[in-house]
Amino acid sequence: IAPQAKEAGIKEVDVLVRGIGPAREAAMRALAANGIQIVSIKDVTPVPHNGCRPKKPRRV
């Protein structure tokens, strides 16, 4: 994504991350390594406000 963004003339980005895992940090590191400045990082992981009832635990 970074080379395409550089071709389009993008120099600064606001990063919105969703979910958990090692890919979140790796994506930001890749942007920074390719010379794109990260202005802000915002976590927009969806968190339920007591929505649907969770599945029953499996009994084996």
PDB file of N, CA and C in Angstrom:
ATOM      1  N   ILE A   1       0.835  -1.194   0.000  1.00  0.00           N
ATOM      2  CA  ILE A   1       0.000   0.000   0.000  1.00  0.00           C
ATOM      3  C   ILE A   1       0.872   1.246   0.000  1.00  0.00           C
ATOM      4  N   ALA A   2       2.002   1.212   0.720  1.00  0.00           N
ATOM      5  CA  ALA A   2       2.845   2.395   0.860  1.00  0.00           C
ATOM      6  C   ALA A   2       3.389   2.912  -0.475  1.00  0.00           C
ATOM      7  N   PRO A   3       3.886   2.046  -1.380  1.00  0.00           N
ATOM      8  CA  PRO A   3       4.371   2.584  -2.663  1.00  0.00           C
ATOM      9  C   PRO A   3       3.267   3.250  -3.475  1.00  0.00           C
ATOM     10  N   GLN A   4       2.059   2.692  -3.432  1.00  0.00           N
ATOM     11  CA  GLN A   4       0.935   3.284  -4.158  1.00  0.00           C
ATOM     12  C   GLN A   4       0.560   4.628  -3.554  1.00  0.00           C
ATOM     13  N   ALA A   5       0.634   4.749  -2.232  1.00  0.00           N
ATOM     14  CA  ALA A   5       0.314   6.005  -1.565  1.00  0.00           C
ATOM     15  C   ALA A   5       1.351   7.064  -1.918  1.00  0.00           C
ATOM     16  N   LYS A   6       2.619   6.666  -1.978  1.00  0.00           N
ATOM     17  CA  LYS A   6       3.666   7.623  -2.333  1.00  0.00           C
ATOM     18  C   LYS A   6       3.495   8.119  -3.768  1.00  0.00           C
ATOM     19  N   GLU A   7       3.087   7.217  -4.681  1.00  0.00           N
ATOM     20  CA  GLU A   7       2.835   7.611  -6.073  1.00  0.00           C
ATOM     21  C   GLU A   7       1.695   8.612  -6.158  1.00  0.00           C
ATOM     22  N   ALA A   8       0.693   8.456  -5.273  1.00  0.00           N
ATOM     23  CA  ALA A   8      -0.455   9.356  -5.266  1.00  0.00           C
ATOM     24  C   ALA A   8      -0.123  10.684  -4.582  1.00  0.00           C
ATOM     25  N   GLY A   9       1.058  10.781  -3.983  1.00  0.00           N
ATOM     26  CA  GLY A   9       1.470  12.039  -3.361  1.00  0.00           C
ATOM     27  C   GLY A   9       1.090  12.165  -1.900  1.00  0.00           C
ATOM     28  N   ILE A  10       0.766  11.055  -1.252  1.00  0.00           N
ATOM     29  CA  ILE A  10       0.388  11.087   0.158  1.00  0.00           C
ATOM     30  C   ILE A  10       1.656  11.070   1.004  1.00  0.00           C
ATOM     31  N   LYS A  11       1.780  12.048   1.903  1.00  0.00           N
ATOM     32  CA  LYS A  11       2.975  12.137   2.751  1.00  0.00           C
ATOM     33  C   LYS A  11       2.658  11.916   4.220  1.00  0.00           C
ATOM     34  N   GLU A  12       1.434  12.232   4.645  1.00  0.00           N
ATOM     35  CA  GLU A  12       1.013  12.078   6.038  1.00  0.00           C
ATOM     36  C   GLU A  12      -0.294  11.309   6.083  1.00  0.00           C
ATOM     37  N   VAL A  13      -0.441  10.465   7.110  1.00  0.00           N
ATOM     38  CA  VAL A  13      -1.669   9.681   7.251  1.00  0.00           C
ATOM     39  C   VAL A  13      -2.160   9.684   8.695  1.00  0.00           C
ATOM     40  N   ASP A  14      -3.460   9.554   8.860  1.00  0.00           N
ATOM     41  CA  ASP A  14      -4.088   9.286  10.153  1.00  0.00           C
ATOM     42  C   ASP A  14      -4.462   7.808  10.124  1.00  0.00           C
ATOM     43  N   VAL A  15      -3.956   7.037  11.062  1.00  0.00           N
ATOM     44  CA  VAL A  15      -4.164   5.587  11.056  1.00  0.00           C
ATOM     45  C   VAL A  15      -5.312   5.229  11.985  1.00  0.00           C
ATOM     46  N   LEU A  16      -6.290   4.462  11.461  1.00  0.00           N
ATOM     47  CA  LEU A  16      -7.391   3.930  12.249  1.00  0.00           C
ATOM     48  C   LEU A  16      -7.220   2.417  12.290  1.00  0.00           C
ATOM     49  N   VAL A  17      -7.001   1.853  13.480  1.00  0.00           N
ATOM     50  CA  VAL A  17      -6.793   0.408  13.602  1.00  0.00           C
ATOM     51  C   VAL A  17      -8.015  -0.243  14.218  1.00  0.00           C
ATOM     52  N   ARG A  18      -8.345  -1.435  13.685  1.00  0.00           N
ATOM     53  CA  ARG A  18      -9.498  -2.175  14.170  1.00  0.00           C
ATOM     54  C   ARG A  18      -9.066  -3.600  14.461  1.00  0.00           C
ATOM     55  N   GLY A  19      -9.421  -4.110  15.624  1.00  0.00           N
ATOM     56  CA  GLY A  19      -9.075  -5.481  15.979  1.00  0.00           C
ATOM     57  C   GLY A  19      -7.788  -5.553  16.769  1.00  0.00           C
ATOM     58  N   ILE A  20      -7.405  -6.806  17.106  1.00  0.00           N
ATOM     59  CA  ILE A  20      -6.194  -7.013  17.882  1.00  0.00           C
ATOM     60  C   ILE A  20      -5.270  -7.931  17.110  1.00  0.00           C
ATOM     61  N   GLY A  21      -3.996  -7.954  17.494  1.00  0.00           N
ATOM     62  CA  GLY A  21      -3.043  -8.857  16.876  1.00  0.00           C
ATOM     63  C   GLY A  21      -1.777  -8.151  16.441  1.00  0.00           C
ATOM     64  N   PRO A  22      -0.803  -8.929  16.015  1.00  0.00           N
ATOM     65  CA  PRO A  22       0.499  -8.371  15.651  1.00  0.00           C
ATOM     66  C   PRO A  22       0.481  -7.568  14.352  1.00  0.00           C
ATOM     67  N   ALA A  23      -0.516  -7.763  13.509  1.00  0.00           N
ATOM     68  CA  ALA A  23      -0.565  -7.058  12.224  1.00  0.00           C
ATOM     69  C   ALA A  23      -0.799  -5.566  12.394  1.00  0.00           C
ATOM     70  N   ARG A  24      -1.439  -5.158  13.484  1.00  0.00           N
ATOM     71  CA  ARG A  24      -1.682  -3.729  13.723  1.00  0.00           C
ATOM     72  C   ARG A  24      -0.375  -2.960  13.730  1.00  0.00           C
ATOM     73  N   GLU A  25       0.554  -3.439  14.552  1.00  0.00           N
ATOM     74  CA  GLU A  25       1.838  -2.748  14.693  1.00  0.00           C
ATOM     75  C   GLU A  25       2.674  -2.873  13.427  1.00  0.00           C
ATOM     76  N   ALA A  26       2.624  -4.030  12.785  1.00  0.00           N
ATOM     77  CA  ALA A  26       3.416  -4.266  11.579  1.00  0.00           C
ATOM     78  C   ALA A  26       2.992  -3.325  10.452  1.00  0.00           C
ATOM     79  N   ALA A  27       1.711  -3.074  10.327  1.00  0.00           N
ATOM     80  CA  ALA A  27       1.221  -2.183   9.274  1.00  0.00           C
ATOM     81  C   ALA A  27       1.719  -0.759   9.494  1.00  0.00           C
ATOM     82  N   MET A  28       1.686  -0.301  10.733  1.00  0.00           N
ATOM     83  CA  MET A  28       2.166   1.055  11.023  1.00  0.00           C
ATOM     84  C   MET A  28       3.671   1.152  10.816  1.00  0.00           C
ATOM     85  N   ARG A  29       4.394   0.091  11.200  1.00  0.00           N
ATOM     86  CA  ARG A  29       5.844   0.076  11.016  1.00  0.00           C
ATOM     87  C   ARG A  29       6.191   0.122   9.528  1.00  0.00           C
ATOM     88  N   ALA A  30       5.421  -0.580   8.704  1.00  0.00           N
ATOM     89  CA  ALA A  30       5.665  -0.599   7.264  1.00  0.00           C
ATOM     90  C   ALA A  30       5.430   0.779   6.650  1.00  0.00           C
ATOM     91  N   LEU A  31       4.402   1.474   7.095  1.00  0.00           N
ATOM     92  CA  LEU A  31       4.141   2.824   6.595  1.00  0.00           C
ATOM     93  C   LEU A  31       5.294   3.753   6.957  1.00  0.00           C
ATOM     94  N   ALA A  32       5.731   3.694   8.198  1.00  0.00           N
ATOM     95  CA  ALA A  32       6.804   4.566   8.660  1.00  0.00           C
ATOM     96  C   ALA A  32       8.117   4.246   7.943  1.00  0.00           C
ATOM     97  N   ALA A  33       8.371   2.974   7.677  1.00  0.00           N
ATOM     98  CA  ALA A  33       9.612   2.572   7.022  1.00  0.00           C
ATOM     99  C   ALA A  33       9.670   3.045   5.572  1.00  0.00           C
ATOM    100  N   ASN A  34       8.514   3.256   4.970  1.00  0.00           N
ATOM    101  CA  ASN A  34       8.462   3.698   3.584  1.00  0.00           C
ATOM    102  C   ASN A  34       8.366   5.217   3.453  1.00  0.00           C
ATOM    103  N   GLY A  35       8.601   5.926   4.548  1.00  0.00           N
ATOM    104  CA  GLY A  35       8.673   7.378   4.478  1.00  0.00           C
ATOM    105  C   GLY A  35       7.346   8.102   4.575  1.00  0.00           C
ATOM    106  N   ILE A  36       6.302   7.422   5.027  1.00  0.00           N
ATOM    107  CA  ILE A  36       5.007   8.077   5.212  1.00  0.00           C
ATOM    108  C   ILE A  36       4.883   8.435   6.682  1.00  0.00           C
ATOM    109  N   GLN A  37       4.634   9.713   6.955  1.00  0.00           N
ATOM    110  CA  GLN A  37       4.568  10.178   8.340  1.00  0.00           C
ATOM    111  C   GLN A  37       3.198   9.872   8.931  1.00  0.00           C
ATOM    112  N   ILE A  38       3.183   9.246  10.112  1.00  0.00           N
ATOM    113  CA  ILE A  38       1.934   8.925  10.804  1.00  0.00           C
ATOM    114  C   ILE A  38       1.609  10.084  11.733  1.00  0.00           C
ATOM    115  N   VAL A  39       0.493  10.770  11.458  1.00  0.00           N
ATOM    116  CA  VAL A  39       0.088  11.936  12.236  1.00  0.00           C
ATOM    117  C   VAL A  39      -0.602  11.510  13.521  1.00  0.00           C
ATOM    118  N   SER A  40      -1.547  10.582  13.413  1.00  0.00           N
ATOM    119  CA  SER A  40      -2.258  10.117  14.602  1.00  0.00           C
ATOM    120  C   SER A  40      -2.647   8.658  14.430  1.00  0.00           C
ATOM    121  N   ILE A  41      -2.817   7.977  15.567  1.00  0.00           N
ATOM    122  CA  ILE A  41      -3.244   6.577  15.592  1.00  0.00           C
ATOM    123  C   ILE A  41      -4.494   6.508  16.456  1.00  0.00           C
ATOM    124  N   LYS A  42      -5.572   5.938  15.905  1.00  0.00           N
ATOM    125  CA  LYS A  42      -6.816   5.839  16.654  1.00  0.00           C
ATOM    126  C   LYS A  42      -7.306   4.396  16.608  1.00  0.00           C
ATOM    127  N   ASP A  43      -7.673   3.850  17.764  1.00  0.00           N
ATOM    128  CA  ASP A  43      -8.187   2.491  17.858  1.00  0.00           C
ATOM    129  C   ASP A  43      -9.705   2.531  17.733  1.00  0.00           C
ATOM    130  N   VAL A  44     -10.241   1.917  16.681  1.00  0.00           N
ATOM    131  CA  VAL A  44     -11.690   1.905  16.459  1.00  0.00           C
ATOM    132  C   VAL A  44     -12.232   0.475  16.516  1.00  0.00           C
ATOM    133  N   THR A  45     -11.653  -0.348  17.402  1.00  0.00           N
ATOM    134  CA  THR A  45     -12.104  -1.728  17.559  1.00  0.00           C
ATOM    135  C   THR A  45     -13.542  -1.723  18.080  1.00  0.00           C
ATOM    136  N   PRO A  46     -14.451  -2.434  17.388  1.00  0.00           N
ATOM    137  CA  PRO A  46     -15.836  -2.450  17.859  1.00  0.00           C
ATOM    138  C   PRO A  46     -15.967  -3.209  19.183  1.00  0.00           C
ATOM    139  N   VAL A  47     -16.556  -2.569  20.172  1.00  0.00           N
ATOM    140  CA  VAL A  47     -16.770  -3.183  21.484  1.00  0.00           C
ATOM    141  C   VAL A  47     -18.273  -3.173  21.747  1.00  0.00           C
ATOM    142  N   PRO A  48     -18.866  -4.352  22.004  1.00  0.00           N
ATOM    143  CA  PRO A  48     -20.312  -4.375  22.221  1.00  0.00           C
ATOM    144  C   PRO A  48     -20.702  -3.727  23.547  1.00  0.00           C
ATOM    145  N   HIS A  49     -21.826  -3.044  23.539  1.00  0.00           N
ATOM    146  CA  HIS A  49     -22.384  -2.480  24.765  1.00  0.00           C
ATOM    147  C   HIS A  49     -23.492  -3.416  25.234  1.00  0.00           C
ATOM    148  N   ASN A  50     -23.077  -4.637  25.611  1.00  0.00           N
ATOM    149  CA  ASN A  50     -24.003  -5.713  25.996  1.00  0.00           C
ATOM    150  C   ASN A  50     -25.030  -5.969  24.897  1.00  0.00           C
ATOM    151  N   GLY A  51     -24.529  -6.375  23.732  1.00  0.00           N
ATOM    152  CA  GLY A  51     -25.379  -6.651  22.579  1.00  0.00           C
ATOM    153  C   GLY A  51     -25.893  -8.070  22.589  1.00  0.00           C
ATOM    154  N   CYS A  52     -25.483  -8.852  21.592  1.00  0.00           N
ATOM    155  CA  CYS A  52     -25.964 -10.218  21.440  1.00  0.00           C
ATOM    156  C   CYS A  52     -25.437 -11.117  22.561  1.00  0.00           C
ATOM    157  N   ARG A  53     -26.226 -12.131  22.886  1.00  0.00           N
ATOM    158  CA  ARG A  53     -25.807 -13.073  23.921  1.00  0.00           C
ATOM    159  C   ARG A  53     -24.717 -13.985  23.353  1.00  0.00           C
ATOM    160  N   PRO A  54     -23.609 -14.191  24.099  1.00  0.00           N
ATOM    161  CA  PRO A  54     -22.531 -15.053  23.584  1.00  0.00           C
ATOM    162  C   PRO A  54     -22.949 -16.518  23.525  1.00  0.00           C
ATOM    163  N   LYS A  55     -22.274 -17.292  22.657  1.00  0.00           N
ATOM    164  CA  LYS A  55     -22.564 -18.716  22.529  1.00  0.00           C
ATOM    165  C   LYS A  55     -22.220 -19.449  23.816  1.00  0.00           C
ATOM    166  N   LYS A  56     -22.927 -20.571  24.050  1.00  0.00           N
ATOM    167  CA  LYS A  56     -22.632 -21.385  25.226  1.00  0.00           C
ATOM    168  C   LYS A  56     -21.262 -22.020  25.062  1.00  0.00           C
ATOM    169  N   PRO A  57     -20.509 -22.212  26.159  1.00  0.00           N
ATOM    170  CA  PRO A  57     -19.224 -22.908  26.032  1.00  0.00           C
ATOM    171  C   PRO A  57     -19.434 -24.367  25.637  1.00  0.00           C
ATOM    172  N   ARG A  58     -18.544 -24.892  24.817  1.00  0.00           N
ATOM    173  CA  ARG A  58     -18.654 -26.266  24.341  1.00  0.00           C
ATOM    174  C   ARG A  58     -18.275 -27.245  25.441  1.00  0.00           C
ATOM    175  N   ARG A  59     -19.105 -28.287  25.634  1.00  0.00           N
ATOM    176  CA  ARG A  59     -18.799 -29.318  26.619  1.00  0.00           C
ATOM    177  C   ARG A  59     -18.346 -30.563  25.891  1.00  0.00           C
ATOM    178  N   VAL A  60     -17.189 -31.070  26.268  1.00  0.00           N
ATOM    179  CA  VAL A  60     -16.644 -32.252  25.589  1.00  0.00           C
ATOM    180  C   VAL A  60     -16.621 -33.428  26.529  1.00  0.00           C
TER     181      VAL A  60
END
